[in-house]
Amino acid sequence: MSKTSSLLDLDRQYLVHPVINFREHERRGVTVLESGHGAYLRDIDGHELLDAFSGLWCVNVGYGQESIVRVAAEQMMRLPYA
């Protein structure tokens, strides 16, 4: 079994996707995301998708912001949890 098919099976068995249409999800199947840059995500088939929810929650500055990664890493070296 490939890593991808294993991920697809695990998704079907255990994950709940709260902001989707379940019938459409069953019909179309699972989308496995591989990476993100700016406001876009890329799936394992190479399709780019606009992450329309990113600005609402935890990725409001986009994916791959190196300046944020650098500053966050520096802070975690000083005090990772408080």
N, C-alpha and C. Protein backbone atom coordinates (compact mmCIF):
# COMPACT_ATOMS: atom_id res chain seq x y z
N MET A 1 0.85 -1.19 0.00
CA MET A 1 0.00 0.00 0.00
C MET A 1 0.89 1.24 0.00
N SER A 2 0.62 2.18 -0.88
CA SER A 2 1.43 3.40 -0.95
C SER A 2 1.08 4.32 0.21
N LYS A 3 1.99 5.25 0.46
CA LYS A 3 1.76 6.22 1.53
C LYS A 3 0.49 7.03 1.27
N THR A 4 0.28 7.39 0.00
CA THR A 4 -0.91 8.18 -0.36
C THR A 4 -2.19 7.40 -0.11
N SER A 5 -2.26 6.15 -0.56
CA SER A 5 -3.49 5.39 -0.34
C SER A 5 -3.70 5.13 1.13
N SER A 6 -2.63 4.98 1.89
CA SER A 6 -2.74 4.80 3.33
C SER A 6 -3.34 6.06 3.97
N LEU A 7 -2.88 7.23 3.55
CA LEU A 7 -3.43 8.49 4.07
C LEU A 7 -4.90 8.63 3.70
N LEU A 8 -5.25 8.26 2.48
CA LEU A 8 -6.65 8.35 2.05
C LEU A 8 -7.53 7.43 2.89
N ASP A 9 -7.07 6.22 3.15
CA ASP A 9 -7.83 5.28 3.98
C ASP A 9 -7.98 5.80 5.40
N LEU A 10 -6.91 6.33 5.98
CA LEU A 10 -6.98 6.86 7.33
C LEU A 10 -7.95 8.04 7.41
N ASP A 11 -7.93 8.88 6.39
CA ASP A 11 -8.86 10.01 6.35
C ASP A 11 -10.30 9.51 6.36
N ARG A 12 -10.60 8.57 5.50
CA ARG A 12 -11.98 8.05 5.41
C ARG A 12 -12.44 7.43 6.73
N GLN A 13 -11.52 6.76 7.42
CA GLN A 13 -11.89 6.04 8.63
C GLN A 13 -12.01 6.94 9.86
N TYR A 14 -11.16 7.97 9.98
CA TYR A 14 -11.03 8.63 11.26
C TYR A 14 -11.25 10.14 11.29
N LEU A 15 -11.18 10.83 10.16
CA LEU A 15 -11.27 12.29 10.20
C LEU A 15 -12.68 12.79 9.93
N VAL A 16 -13.05 13.82 10.66
CA VAL A 16 -14.30 14.52 10.43
C VAL A 16 -13.93 15.85 9.79
N HIS A 17 -14.57 16.18 8.69
CA HIS A 17 -14.32 17.44 7.99
C HIS A 17 -15.54 18.33 8.19
N PRO A 18 -15.49 19.24 9.18
CA PRO A 18 -16.70 19.95 9.60
C PRO A 18 -17.23 21.01 8.64
N VAL A 19 -16.46 21.48 7.68
CA VAL A 19 -16.95 22.56 6.82
C VAL A 19 -17.10 22.10 5.37
N ILE A 20 -17.52 20.85 5.19
CA ILE A 20 -17.71 20.32 3.84
C ILE A 20 -19.11 19.75 3.68
N ASN A 21 -19.49 19.53 2.46
CA ASN A 21 -20.71 18.81 2.14
C ASN A 21 -20.33 17.32 2.09
N PHE A 22 -20.85 16.53 3.00
CA PHE A 22 -20.43 15.13 3.13
C PHE A 22 -20.73 14.30 1.88
N ARG A 23 -21.85 14.53 1.25
CA ARG A 23 -22.17 13.78 0.02
C ARG A 23 -21.17 14.10 -1.09
N GLU A 24 -20.86 15.37 -1.23
CA GLU A 24 -19.87 15.78 -2.24
C GLU A 24 -18.49 15.21 -1.90
N HIS A 25 -18.15 15.20 -0.63
CA HIS A 25 -16.87 14.64 -0.17
C HIS A 25 -16.78 13.16 -0.53
N GLU A 26 -17.83 12.42 -0.29
CA GLU A 26 -17.85 10.99 -0.65
C GLU A 26 -17.77 10.79 -2.16
N ARG A 27 -18.45 11.63 -2.90
CA ARG A 27 -18.46 11.50 -4.36
C ARG A 27 -17.10 11.81 -4.97
N ARG A 28 -16.48 12.91 -4.53
CA ARG A 28 -15.22 13.36 -5.12
C ARG A 28 -14.00 12.71 -4.50
N GLY A 29 -14.12 12.27 -3.27
CA GLY A 29 -12.97 11.69 -2.58
C GLY A 29 -12.19 12.73 -1.79
N VAL A 30 -11.12 12.27 -1.22
CA VAL A 30 -10.31 13.06 -0.30
C VAL A 30 -9.27 13.86 -1.09
N THR A 31 -8.99 15.07 -0.64
CA THR A 31 -7.90 15.87 -1.17
C THR A 31 -6.78 15.87 -0.14
N VAL A 32 -5.62 15.36 -0.50
CA VAL A 32 -4.47 15.34 0.41
C VAL A 32 -3.56 16.50 0.04
N LEU A 33 -3.37 17.41 0.99
CA LEU A 33 -2.54 18.59 0.75
C LEU A 33 -1.08 18.27 1.04
N GLU A 34 -0.22 18.87 0.23
CA GLU A 34 1.21 18.58 0.32
C GLU A 34 2.02 19.79 0.78
N SER A 35 1.64 20.99 0.33
CA SER A 35 2.42 22.18 0.68
C SER A 35 1.56 23.43 0.50
N GLY A 36 2.10 24.54 0.98
CA GLY A 36 1.42 25.81 0.82
C GLY A 36 2.41 26.94 0.61
N HIS A 37 1.99 27.95 -0.14
CA HIS A 37 2.82 29.15 -0.34
C HIS A 37 1.89 30.33 -0.59
N GLY A 38 2.10 31.39 0.17
CA GLY A 38 1.20 32.54 0.07
C GLY A 38 -0.20 32.14 0.48
N ALA A 39 -1.18 32.40 -0.36
CA ALA A 39 -2.58 32.04 -0.07
C ALA A 39 -2.99 30.74 -0.75
N TYR A 40 -2.03 30.01 -1.30
CA TYR A 40 -2.36 28.81 -2.07
C TYR A 40 -1.82 27.54 -1.43
N LEU A 41 -2.58 26.47 -1.61
CA LEU A 41 -2.18 25.13 -1.19
C LEU A 41 -1.97 24.29 -2.44
N ARG A 42 -1.12 23.28 -2.33
CA ARG A 42 -0.90 22.36 -3.44
C ARG A 42 -1.23 20.95 -2.94
N ASP A 43 -2.00 20.20 -3.74
CA ASP A 43 -2.33 18.83 -3.34
C ASP A 43 -1.30 17.86 -3.93
N ILE A 44 -1.45 16.58 -3.58
CA ILE A 44 -0.47 15.58 -4.01
C ILE A 44 -0.49 15.33 -5.51
N ASP A 45 -1.52 15.82 -6.19
CA ASP A 45 -1.60 15.69 -7.65
C ASP A 45 -1.08 16.94 -8.36
N GLY A 46 -0.58 17.92 -7.60
CA GLY A 46 -0.02 19.13 -8.20
C GLY A 46 -1.01 20.25 -8.45
N HIS A 47 -2.27 20.07 -8.06
CA HIS A 47 -3.27 21.13 -8.26
C HIS A 47 -3.07 22.23 -7.21
N GLU A 48 -3.13 23.49 -7.64
CA GLU A 48 -3.08 24.61 -6.71
C GLU A 48 -4.49 25.05 -6.36
N LEU A 49 -4.71 25.26 -5.07
CA LEU A 49 -6.02 25.64 -4.56
C LEU A 49 -5.89 26.90 -3.73
N LEU A 50 -6.78 27.85 -3.93
CA LEU A 50 -6.81 29.04 -3.09
C LEU A 50 -7.33 28.65 -1.72
N ASP A 51 -6.58 28.94 -0.67
CA ASP A 51 -7.03 28.64 0.69
C ASP A 51 -7.90 29.80 1.17
N ALA A 52 -9.16 29.75 0.83
CA ALA A 52 -10.08 30.85 1.13
C ALA A 52 -10.32 31.02 2.63
N PHE A 53 -10.07 30.01 3.44
CA PHE A 53 -10.25 30.11 4.89
C PHE A 53 -9.00 30.61 5.61
N SER A 54 -7.88 30.69 4.94
CA SER A 54 -6.62 30.99 5.62
C SER A 54 -6.65 32.31 6.37
N GLY A 55 -7.26 33.32 5.81
CA GLY A 55 -7.31 34.62 6.46
C GLY A 55 -8.20 34.67 7.68
N LEU A 56 -9.08 33.69 7.82
CA LEU A 56 -10.01 33.68 8.95
C LEU A 56 -9.41 33.07 10.21
N TRP A 57 -8.48 32.15 10.04
CA TRP A 57 -7.99 31.41 11.20
C TRP A 57 -6.48 31.56 11.37
N CYS A 58 -5.77 30.48 11.36
CA CYS A 58 -4.38 30.49 11.81
C CYS A 58 -3.34 30.81 10.73
N VAL A 59 -3.72 31.07 9.50
CA VAL A 59 -2.73 31.34 8.45
C VAL A 59 -3.06 32.67 7.77
N ASN A 60 -3.40 33.67 8.55
CA ASN A 60 -3.84 34.93 7.96
C ASN A 60 -2.73 35.72 7.28
N VAL A 61 -1.47 35.34 7.43
CA VAL A 61 -0.37 36.00 6.71
C VAL A 61 0.14 35.14 5.55
N GLY A 62 -0.50 34.02 5.30
CA GLY A 62 -0.10 33.14 4.20
C GLY A 62 0.91 32.09 4.64
N TYR A 63 1.17 31.17 3.75
CA TYR A 63 2.10 30.08 4.00
C TYR A 63 3.50 30.47 3.54
N GLY A 64 4.52 29.96 4.23
CA GLY A 64 5.90 30.14 3.80
C GLY A 64 6.48 31.51 4.07
N GLN A 65 5.99 32.20 5.08
CA GLN A 65 6.52 33.52 5.43
C GLN A 65 7.81 33.33 6.24
N GLU A 66 8.95 33.38 5.56
CA GLU A 66 10.23 33.08 6.19
C GLU A 66 10.55 34.00 7.36
N SER A 67 10.16 35.26 7.28
CA SER A 67 10.45 36.18 8.38
C SER A 67 9.73 35.75 9.65
N ILE A 68 8.52 35.25 9.52
CA ILE A 68 7.77 34.79 10.70
C ILE A 68 8.36 33.50 11.23
N VAL A 69 8.75 32.60 10.34
CA VAL A 69 9.38 31.34 10.77
C VAL A 69 10.65 31.64 11.55
N ARG A 70 11.46 32.55 11.05
CA ARG A 70 12.73 32.89 11.69
C ARG A 70 12.51 33.49 13.08
N VAL A 71 11.61 34.45 13.19
CA VAL A 71 11.34 35.09 14.48
C VAL A 71 10.73 34.09 15.46
N ALA A 72 9.81 33.25 14.99
CA ALA A 72 9.19 32.25 15.86
C ALA A 72 10.24 31.26 16.36
N ALA A 73 11.15 30.84 15.48
CA ALA A 73 12.20 29.90 15.89
C ALA A 73 13.11 30.54 16.94
N GLU A 74 13.47 31.80 16.75
CA GLU A 74 14.31 32.50 17.73
C GLU A 74 13.61 32.56 19.09
N GLN A 75 12.33 32.88 19.10
CA GLN A 75 11.58 32.94 20.35
C GLN A 75 11.50 31.57 21.01
N MET A 76 11.27 30.54 20.23
CA MET A 76 11.17 29.19 20.80
C MET A 76 12.48 28.72 21.41
N MET A 77 13.60 29.23 20.91
CA MET A 77 14.90 28.90 21.51
C MET A 77 15.04 29.56 22.88
N ARG A 78 14.43 30.73 23.06
CA ARG A 78 14.52 31.43 24.35
C ARG A 78 13.50 30.90 25.35
N LEU A 79 12.26 30.76 24.93
CA LEU A 79 11.19 30.33 25.83
C LEU A 79 10.10 29.67 24.99
N PRO A 80 10.20 28.34 24.79
CA PRO A 80 9.28 27.66 23.88
C PRO A 80 7.85 27.55 24.38
N TYR A 81 7.66 27.62 25.69
CA TYR A 81 6.31 27.44 26.22
C TYR A 81 6.21 28.16 27.55
N ALA A 82 5.14 28.89 27.74
CA ALA A 82 4.94 29.57 29.03
C ALA A 82 3.46 29.66 29.31
